[in-house]
Amino acid sequence: MYYPDSFKKPETRQRQTSRCSRFSMIELLMSMSVLSIMMLLLFRYINTAQTTWQRNDSRLEMIDSQRVVLDIIERDLNCAVASSLLDQEIGFYVPDPAQDGFVAAFVASVPFNNGASRLCEIYYKVEDNSLKRMVVVATSVDWDFFGKTELSEPTWVVNPDSTYETILQDGVKELNMSFFVAQADAVPIGSGTVIYELPQRADIELVLFDPHLPNPTAANLLLTQSAFMRILYLNKLIGR
């Protein structure tokens, strides 16, 4: 026989209300599953955002680094000197990186802290993923470039006692320089060549990668690798 709630005992109504307010095991499992999926999606979003931020930060760092490096190289090349005067020859050497170990060797007028400028031998090379630059001044025991007319590597290119300074520490894959006698030339000056005039054009390629990768495998380094190019037009005269 059916009794309305108003005729039921208070204990019976309280027992039924208490039974209805509890969660079943299936409901708890479903709630935990939904919460786990939401947490997984949230963690994945956070991880993606952090990875993107790190890539952008590394990209900005590489852009700043290449700007500094290419500005230094451009300044040196703009101050480069070559001469074909008798007994005062100054050659511009296009090295073979595989054989010589460096990618540039020339003489330039370099300013110092006291405001004076001196003729210096300048070299660039990439070693241990770092870009290094050597400047040999007239007071060095290795100073010797006047009157060198050899058609092969001039003696002033060999400077074993001089030390290199690091311009960019780590993150350098390679540095390539191509020099052209005329601005419109398509074929660069061959490696191991000495010319006694300044080239009219220089193509500089700098390849950088992210040195802060937690897992620096070859594949990961290739993903972060970027190449930067700068073309310089050196409108100089012979004998400058």
C-alpha atoms as a PDB file:
ATOM      1  CA  MET A   1       0.000   0.000   0.000  1.00  0.00           C
ATOM      2  CA  TYR A   2       1.331   3.425  -0.954  1.00  0.00           C
ATOM      3  CA  TYR A   3       1.787   6.035   1.735  1.00  0.00           C
ATOM      4  CA  PRO A   4       2.477   9.660   0.920  1.00  0.00           C
ATOM      5  CA  ASP A   5       5.700  11.161   2.261  1.00  0.00           C
ATOM      6  CA  SER A   6       3.683  13.144   4.726  1.00  0.00           C
ATOM      7  CA  PHE A   7       2.510   9.893   6.363  1.00  0.00           C
ATOM      8  CA  LYS A   8       5.965   8.268   6.466  1.00  0.00           C
ATOM      9  CA  LYS A   9       8.021   8.225   9.581  1.00  0.00           C
ATOM     10  CA  PRO A  10      10.760  10.843   9.883  1.00  0.00           C
ATOM     11  CA  GLU A  11      13.417   8.094  10.168  1.00  0.00           C
ATOM     12  CA  THR A  12      12.315   6.558   6.855  1.00  0.00           C
ATOM     13  CA  ARG A  13      12.382   9.889   5.023  1.00  0.00           C
ATOM     14  CA  GLN A  14      15.866  10.677   6.406  1.00  0.00           C
ATOM     15  CA  ARG A  15      17.185   7.228   5.405  1.00  0.00           C
ATOM     16  CA  GLN A  16      15.916   7.634   1.840  1.00  0.00           C
ATOM     17  CA  THR A  17      17.355  11.161   1.524  1.00  0.00           C
ATOM     18  CA  SER A  18      20.736  10.008   2.788  1.00  0.00           C
ATOM     19  CA  ARG A  19      20.782   7.093   0.329  1.00  0.00           C
ATOM     20  CA  CYS A  20      20.005   9.401  -2.609  1.00  0.00           C
ATOM     21  CA  SER A  21      22.801  11.947  -1.755  1.00  0.00           C
ATOM     22  CA  ARG A  22      25.671   9.417  -2.011  1.00  0.00           C
ATOM     23  CA  PHE A  23      27.855   8.872  -5.140  1.00  0.00           C
ATOM     24  CA  SER A  24      28.113   5.460  -6.642  1.00  0.00           C
ATOM     25  CA  MET A  25      31.464   3.882  -7.585  1.00  0.00           C
ATOM     26  CA  ILE A  26      30.718   4.309 -11.300  1.00  0.00           C
ATOM     27  CA  GLU A  27      30.071   8.011 -10.851  1.00  0.00           C
ATOM     28  CA  LEU A  28      33.355   8.444  -8.957  1.00  0.00           C
ATOM     29  CA  LEU A  29      35.308   6.595 -11.641  1.00  0.00           C
ATOM     30  CA  MET A  30      33.731   8.700 -14.398  1.00  0.00           C
ATOM     31  CA  SER A  31      34.520  11.916 -12.535  1.00  0.00           C
ATOM     32  CA  MET A  32      38.136  10.881 -12.003  1.00  0.00           C
ATOM     33  CA  SER A  33      38.465   9.952 -15.693  1.00  0.00           C
ATOM     34  CA  VAL A  34      37.124  13.317 -16.839  1.00  0.00           C
ATOM     35  CA  LEU A  35      39.443  15.117 -14.391  1.00  0.00           C
ATOM     36  CA  SER A  36      42.454  13.109 -15.605  1.00  0.00           C
ATOM     37  CA  ILE A  37      41.706  13.967 -19.235  1.00  0.00           C
ATOM     38  CA  MET A  38      41.373  17.650 -18.394  1.00  0.00           C
ATOM     39  CA  MET A  39      44.671  17.617 -16.461  1.00  0.00           C
ATOM     40  CA  LEU A  40      46.405  15.825 -19.340  1.00  0.00           C
ATOM     41  CA  LEU A  41      45.174  18.393 -21.847  1.00  0.00           C
ATOM     42  CA  LEU A  42      46.232  21.209 -19.529  1.00  0.00           C
ATOM     43  CA  PHE A  43      49.739  19.799 -19.054  1.00  0.00           C
ATOM     44  CA  ARG A  44      50.103  19.271 -22.795  1.00  0.00           C
ATOM     45  CA  TYR A  45      49.082  22.865 -23.457  1.00  0.00           C
ATOM     46  CA  ILE A  46      51.565  24.141 -20.855  1.00  0.00           C
ATOM     47  CA  ASN A  47      54.358  21.988 -22.308  1.00  0.00           C
ATOM     48  CA  THR A  48      53.618  23.205 -25.850  1.00  0.00           C
ATOM     49  CA  ALA A  49      53.581  26.825 -24.711  1.00  0.00           C
ATOM     50  CA  GLN A  50      56.886  26.383 -22.863  1.00  0.00           C
ATOM     51  CA  THR A  51      58.532  24.703 -25.875  1.00  0.00           C
ATOM     52  CA  THR A  52      57.332  27.460 -28.204  1.00  0.00           C
ATOM     53  CA  TRP A  53      58.602  30.137 -25.838  1.00  0.00           C
ATOM     54  CA  GLN A  54      62.025  28.471 -25.614  1.00  0.00           C
ATOM     55  CA  ARG A  55      62.274  28.193 -29.406  1.00  0.00           C
ATOM     56  CA  ASN A  56      61.357  31.835 -29.889  1.00  0.00           C
ATOM     57  CA  ASP A  57      63.828  32.878 -27.195  1.00  0.00           C
ATOM     58  CA  SER A  58      66.600  30.835 -28.841  1.00  0.00           C
ATOM     59  CA  ARG A  59      65.681  32.271 -32.222  1.00  0.00           C
ATOM     60  CA  LEU A  60      65.976  35.826 -30.906  1.00  0.00           C
ATOM     61  CA  GLU A  61      69.313  34.970 -29.323  1.00  0.00           C
ATOM     62  CA  MET A  62      70.617  33.625 -32.639  1.00  0.00           C
ATOM     63  CA  ILE A  63      69.414  36.744 -34.472  1.00  0.00           C
ATOM     64  CA  ASP A  64      71.244  38.977 -31.990  1.00  0.00           C
ATOM     65  CA  SER A  65      74.385  36.816 -32.201  1.00  0.00           C
ATOM     66  CA  GLN A  66      74.521  36.815 -35.984  1.00  0.00           C
ATOM     67  CA  ARG A  67      74.046  40.574 -36.084  1.00  0.00           C
ATOM     68  CA  VAL A  68      77.014  41.122 -33.765  1.00  0.00           C
ATOM     69  CA  VAL A  69      79.247  38.653 -35.629  1.00  0.00           C
ATOM     70  CA  LEU A  70      78.417  39.921 -39.116  1.00  0.00           C
ATOM     71  CA  ASP A  71      78.878  43.523 -37.996  1.00  0.00           C
ATOM     72  CA  ILE A  72      82.404  42.704 -36.762  1.00  0.00           C
ATOM     73  CA  ILE A  73      83.289  40.905 -40.006  1.00  0.00           C
ATOM     74  CA  GLU A  74      81.826  43.738 -42.077  1.00  0.00           C
ATOM     75  CA  ARG A  75      83.851  46.310 -40.155  1.00  0.00           C
ATOM     76  CA  ASP A  76      87.052  44.334 -40.713  1.00  0.00           C
ATOM     77  CA  LEU A  77      86.416  43.888 -44.428  1.00  0.00           C
ATOM     78  CA  ASN A  78      85.536  47.537 -44.879  1.00  0.00           C
ATOM     79  CA  CYS A  79      88.938  48.367 -43.370  1.00  0.00           C
ATOM     80  CA  ALA A  80      90.816  45.763 -45.403  1.00  0.00           C
ATOM     81  CA  VAL A  81      93.992  46.814 -47.221  1.00  0.00           C
ATOM     82  CA  ALA A  82      95.662  45.427 -50.342  1.00  0.00           C
ATOM     83  CA  SER A  83      98.627  46.724 -52.281  1.00  0.00           C
ATOM     84  CA  SER A  84     100.551  45.805 -55.430  1.00  0.00           C
ATOM     85  CA  LEU A  85     103.322  48.377 -54.933  1.00  0.00           C
ATOM     86  CA  LEU A  86     106.813  46.983 -55.471  1.00  0.00           C
ATOM     87  CA  ASP A  87     108.384  45.629 -52.272  1.00  0.00           C
ATOM     88  CA  GLN A  88     105.290  46.732 -50.350  1.00  0.00           C
ATOM     89  CA  GLU A  89     102.867  44.114 -51.572  1.00  0.00           C
ATOM     90  CA  ILE A  90      99.958  43.301 -49.308  1.00  0.00           C
ATOM     91  CA  GLY A  91      98.042  40.270 -50.416  1.00  0.00           C
ATOM     92  CA  PHE A  92      94.433  39.355 -49.839  1.00  0.00           C
ATOM     93  CA  TYR A  93      94.396  35.625 -49.190  1.00  0.00           C
ATOM     94  CA  VAL A  94      91.408  33.383 -49.924  1.00  0.00           C
ATOM     95  CA  PRO A  95      92.140  30.311 -47.788  1.00  0.00           C
ATOM     96  CA  ASP A  96      91.089  26.717 -48.123  1.00  0.00           C
ATOM     97  CA  PRO A  97      89.293  26.018 -44.806  1.00  0.00           C
ATOM     98  CA  ALA A  98      89.870  22.260 -45.035  1.00  0.00           C
ATOM     99  CA  GLN A  99      93.619  22.736 -45.440  1.00  0.00           C
ATOM    100  CA  ASP A 100      94.383  25.993 -43.632  1.00  0.00           C
ATOM    101  CA  GLY A 101      91.973  25.642 -40.727  1.00  0.00           C
ATOM    102  CA  PHE A 102      90.576  29.160 -41.097  1.00  0.00           C
ATOM    103  CA  VAL A 103      88.065  30.840 -43.412  1.00  0.00           C
ATOM    104  CA  ALA A 104      89.569  34.313 -43.829  1.00  0.00           C
ATOM    105  CA  ALA A 105      93.027  35.901 -43.768  1.00  0.00           C
ATOM    106  CA  PHE A 106      93.641  39.522 -44.728  1.00  0.00           C
ATOM    107  CA  VAL A 107      95.228  42.764 -43.568  1.00  0.00           C
ATOM    108  CA  ALA A 108      93.066  45.566 -42.213  1.00  0.00           C
ATOM    109  CA  SER A 109      93.350  48.834 -40.366  1.00  0.00           C
ATOM    110  CA  VAL A 110      92.051  48.080 -36.880  1.00  0.00           C
ATOM    111  CA  PRO A 111      91.203  50.826 -34.359  1.00  0.00           C
ATOM    112  CA  PHE A 112      92.442  50.400 -30.777  1.00  0.00           C
ATOM    113  CA  ASN A 113      91.312  51.807 -27.436  1.00  0.00           C
ATOM    114  CA  ASN A 114      93.682  54.780 -27.610  1.00  0.00           C
ATOM    115  CA  GLY A 115      91.984  55.957 -30.803  1.00  0.00           C
ATOM    116  CA  ALA A 116      94.866  55.030 -33.088  1.00  0.00           C
ATOM    117  CA  SER A 117      94.564  52.527 -35.930  1.00  0.00           C
ATOM    118  CA  ARG A 118      97.153  49.947 -36.917  1.00  0.00           C
ATOM    119  CA  LEU A 119      97.587  47.539 -39.775  1.00  0.00           C
ATOM    120  CA  CYS A 120      96.815  44.057 -38.465  1.00  0.00           C
ATOM    121  CA  GLU A 121      96.576  40.570 -39.844  1.00  0.00           C
ATOM    122  CA  ILE A 122      93.075  39.224 -39.248  1.00  0.00           C
ATOM    123  CA  TYR A 123      91.957  35.609 -39.241  1.00  0.00           C
ATOM    124  CA  TYR A 124      88.619  33.899 -38.675  1.00  0.00           C
ATOM    125  CA  LYS A 125      87.970  30.251 -37.933  1.00  0.00           C
ATOM    126  CA  VAL A 126      85.311  27.964 -36.448  1.00  0.00           C
ATOM    127  CA  GLU A 127      86.532  25.599 -33.759  1.00  0.00           C
ATOM    128  CA  ASP A 128      84.548  23.512 -31.243  1.00  0.00           C
ATOM    129  CA  ASN A 129      81.306  25.171 -32.377  1.00  0.00           C
ATOM    130  CA  SER A 130      82.747  28.596 -31.509  1.00  0.00           C
ATOM    131  CA  LEU A 131      83.717  31.456 -33.808  1.00  0.00           C
ATOM    132  CA  LYS A 132      87.212  32.795 -33.166  1.00  0.00           C
ATOM    133  CA  ARG A 133      89.106  35.813 -34.444  1.00  0.00           C
ATOM    134  CA  MET A 134      92.835  36.515 -34.315  1.00  0.00           C
ATOM    135  CA  VAL A 135      94.444  39.904 -34.712  1.00  0.00           C
ATOM    136  CA  VAL A 136      98.225  40.072 -35.213  1.00  0.00           C
ATOM    137  CA  VAL A 137      99.655  43.546 -34.592  1.00  0.00           C
ATOM    138  CA  ALA A 138     103.050  44.899 -35.612  1.00  0.00           C
ATOM    139  CA  THR A 139     104.529  44.215 -32.152  1.00  0.00           C
ATOM    140  CA  SER A 140     103.904  40.476 -32.514  1.00  0.00           C
ATOM    141  CA  VAL A 141     106.738  38.113 -33.419  1.00  0.00           C
ATOM    142  CA  ASP A 142     104.474  36.780 -36.180  1.00  0.00           C
ATOM    143  CA  TRP A 143     104.144  40.155 -37.881  1.00  0.00           C
ATOM    144  CA  ASP A 144     105.383  39.738 -41.456  1.00  0.00           C
ATOM    145  CA  PHE A 145     103.374  40.527 -44.552  1.00  0.00           C
ATOM    146  CA  PHE A 146     105.181  43.244 -46.534  1.00  0.00           C
ATOM    147  CA  GLY A 147     106.699  42.326 -49.876  1.00  0.00           C
ATOM    148  CA  LYS A 148     105.147  38.857 -50.114  1.00  0.00           C
ATOM    149  CA  THR A 149     104.698  37.965 -53.763  1.00  0.00           C
ATOM    150  CA  GLU A 150     104.278  34.170 -53.542  1.00  0.00           C
ATOM    151  CA  LEU A 151     101.480  32.829 -55.671  1.00  0.00           C
ATOM    152  CA  SER A 152     100.685  30.235 -53.032  1.00  0.00           C
ATOM    153  CA  GLU A 153     100.034  30.750 -49.334  1.00  0.00           C
ATOM    154  CA  PRO A 154     102.034  33.767 -48.119  1.00  0.00           C
ATOM    155  CA  THR A 155     104.282  33.308 -45.104  1.00  0.00           C
ATOM    156  CA  TRP A 156     102.372  35.834 -43.044  1.00  0.00           C
ATOM    157  CA  VAL A 157      99.379  33.509 -43.000  1.00  0.00           C
ATOM    158  CA  VAL A 158     101.205  31.137 -40.645  1.00  0.00           C
ATOM    159  CA  ASN A 159     100.973  32.498 -37.094  1.00  0.00           C
ATOM    160  CA  PRO A 160     101.419  29.614 -34.647  1.00  0.00           C
ATOM    161  CA  ASP A 161     102.360  31.779 -31.670  1.00  0.00           C
ATOM    162  CA  SER A 162      99.335  34.060 -31.843  1.00  0.00           C
ATOM    163  CA  THR A 163      96.151  33.364 -29.917  1.00  0.00           C
ATOM    164  CA  TYR A 164      92.549  33.547 -31.040  1.00  0.00           C
ATOM    165  CA  GLU A 165      89.842  35.427 -29.187  1.00  0.00           C
ATOM    166  CA  THR A 166      86.352  33.950 -29.057  1.00  0.00           C
ATOM    167  CA  ILE A 167      83.698  36.148 -30.650  1.00  0.00           C
ATOM    168  CA  LEU A 168      80.766  33.760 -30.250  1.00  0.00           C
ATOM    169  CA  GLN A 169      80.920  30.964 -27.700  1.00  0.00           C
ATOM    170  CA  ASP A 170      79.158  27.783 -28.849  1.00  0.00           C
ATOM    171  CA  GLY A 171      76.259  27.506 -31.286  1.00  0.00           C
ATOM    172  CA  VAL A 172      78.288  28.065 -34.492  1.00  0.00           C
ATOM    173  CA  LYS A 173      77.934  25.392 -37.166  1.00  0.00           C
ATOM    174  CA  GLU A 174      80.005  27.004 -39.903  1.00  0.00           C
ATOM    175  CA  LEU A 175      81.197  30.272 -41.415  1.00  0.00           C
ATOM    176  CA  ASN A 176      81.667  30.580 -45.171  1.00  0.00           C
ATOM    177  CA  MET A 177      83.101  33.519 -47.103  1.00  0.00           C
ATOM    178  CA  SER A 178      83.154  33.881 -50.875  1.00  0.00           C
ATOM    179  CA  PHE A 179      85.024  36.716 -52.556  1.00  0.00           C
ATOM    180  CA  PHE A 180      84.518  38.066 -56.080  1.00  0.00           C
ATOM    181  CA  VAL A 181      86.841  40.232 -58.158  1.00  0.00           C
ATOM    182  CA  ALA A 182      83.885  42.038 -59.756  1.00  0.00           C
ATOM    183  CA  GLN A 183      80.482  42.704 -58.242  1.00  0.00           C
ATOM    184  CA  ALA A 184      78.654  40.917 -61.053  1.00  0.00           C
ATOM    185  CA  ASP A 185      80.872  37.819 -61.035  1.00  0.00           C
ATOM    186  CA  ALA A 186      79.121  34.491 -60.561  1.00  0.00           C
ATOM    187  CA  VAL A 187      82.267  32.460 -59.827  1.00  0.00           C
ATOM    188  CA  PRO A 188      84.155  33.323 -56.626  1.00  0.00           C
ATOM    189  CA  ILE A 189      87.929  33.507 -56.250  1.00  0.00           C
ATOM    190  CA  GLY A 190      89.361  30.019 -55.873  1.00  0.00           C
ATOM    191  CA  SER A 191      90.593  28.700 -52.530  1.00  0.00           C
ATOM    192  CA  GLY A 192      94.296  29.082 -51.805  1.00  0.00           C
ATOM    193  CA  THR A 193      94.568  32.175 -54.017  1.00  0.00           C
ATOM    194  CA  VAL A 194      96.415  35.406 -53.224  1.00  0.00           C
ATOM    195  CA  ILE A 195      95.321  38.588 -54.976  1.00  0.00           C
ATOM    196  CA  TYR A 196      96.911  42.022 -54.619  1.00  0.00           C
ATOM    197  CA  GLU A 197      93.719  43.975 -54.909  1.00  0.00           C
ATOM    198  CA  LEU A 198      90.642  43.982 -52.765  1.00  0.00           C
ATOM    199  CA  PRO A 199      87.678  41.975 -53.960  1.00  0.00           C
ATOM    200  CA  GLN A 200      84.658  43.971 -55.035  1.00  0.00           C
ATOM    201  CA  ARG A 201      82.127  41.690 -53.368  1.00  0.00           C
ATOM    202  CA  ALA A 202      82.067  39.392 -50.354  1.00  0.00           C
ATOM    203  CA  ASP A 203      79.284  36.904 -49.590  1.00  0.00           C
ATOM    204  CA  ILE A 204      79.231  35.860 -45.938  1.00  0.00           C
ATOM    205  CA  GLU A 205      77.184  32.929 -44.677  1.00  0.00           C
ATOM    206  CA  LEU A 206      76.910  32.177 -40.963  1.00  0.00           C
ATOM    207  CA  VAL A 207      75.125  29.003 -39.802  1.00  0.00           C
ATOM    208  CA  LEU A 208      74.035  28.884 -36.155  1.00  0.00           C
ATOM    209  CA  PHE A 209      72.157  26.386 -33.991  1.00  0.00           C
ATOM    210  CA  ASP A 210      70.618  26.383 -30.526  1.00  0.00           C
ATOM    211  CA  PRO A 211      73.350  25.373 -28.032  1.00  0.00           C
ATOM    212  CA  HIS A 212      70.900  25.146 -25.104  1.00  0.00           C
ATOM    213  CA  LEU A 213      69.048  22.019 -26.200  1.00  0.00           C
ATOM    214  CA  PRO A 214      68.611  19.478 -23.371  1.00  0.00           C
ATOM    215  CA  ASN A 215      69.076  16.632 -25.873  1.00  0.00           C
ATOM    216  CA  PRO A 216      71.559  17.918 -28.473  1.00  0.00           C
ATOM    217  CA  THR A 217      71.292  15.127 -31.010  1.00  0.00           C
ATOM    218  CA  ALA A 218      72.097  15.710 -34.671  1.00  0.00           C
ATOM    219  CA  ALA A 219      68.403  15.672 -35.583  1.00  0.00           C
ATOM    220  CA  ASN A 220      67.478  18.203 -32.873  1.00  0.00           C
ATOM    221  CA  LEU A 221      70.345  20.505 -33.819  1.00  0.00           C
ATOM    222  CA  LEU A 222      69.249  20.393 -37.443  1.00  0.00           C
ATOM    223  CA  LEU A 223      65.740  21.512 -36.437  1.00  0.00           C
ATOM    224  CA  THR A 224      67.111  24.619 -34.717  1.00  0.00           C
ATOM    225  CA  GLN A 225      69.720  25.396 -37.358  1.00  0.00           C
ATOM    226  CA  SER A 226      69.471  28.756 -39.129  1.00  0.00           C
ATOM    227  CA  ALA A 227      71.592  30.284 -41.890  1.00  0.00           C
ATOM    228  CA  PHE A 228      72.217  34.027 -42.104  1.00  0.00           C
ATOM    229  CA  MET A 229      73.596  35.754 -45.180  1.00  0.00           C
ATOM    230  CA  ARG A 230      75.150  39.146 -45.753  1.00  0.00           C
ATOM    231  CA  ILE A 231      76.522  40.536 -49.017  1.00  0.00           C
ATOM    232  CA  LEU A 232      79.139  43.285 -48.880  1.00  0.00           C
ATOM    233  CA  TYR A 233      80.201  45.509 -51.758  1.00  0.00           C
ATOM    234  CA  LEU A 234      83.775  46.622 -51.199  1.00  0.00           C
ATOM    235  CA  ASN A 235      84.373  49.549 -53.557  1.00  0.00           C
ATOM    236  CA  LYS A 236      88.052  50.029 -52.848  1.00  0.00           C
ATOM    237  CA  LEU A 237      91.037  50.833 -55.062  1.00  0.00           C
ATOM    238  CA  ILE A 238      94.275  48.914 -55.501  1.00  0.00           C
ATOM    239  CA  GLY A 239      97.030  50.284 -53.299  1.00  0.00           C
ATOM    240  CA  ARG A 240      94.732  51.621 -50.601  1.00  0.00           C
END
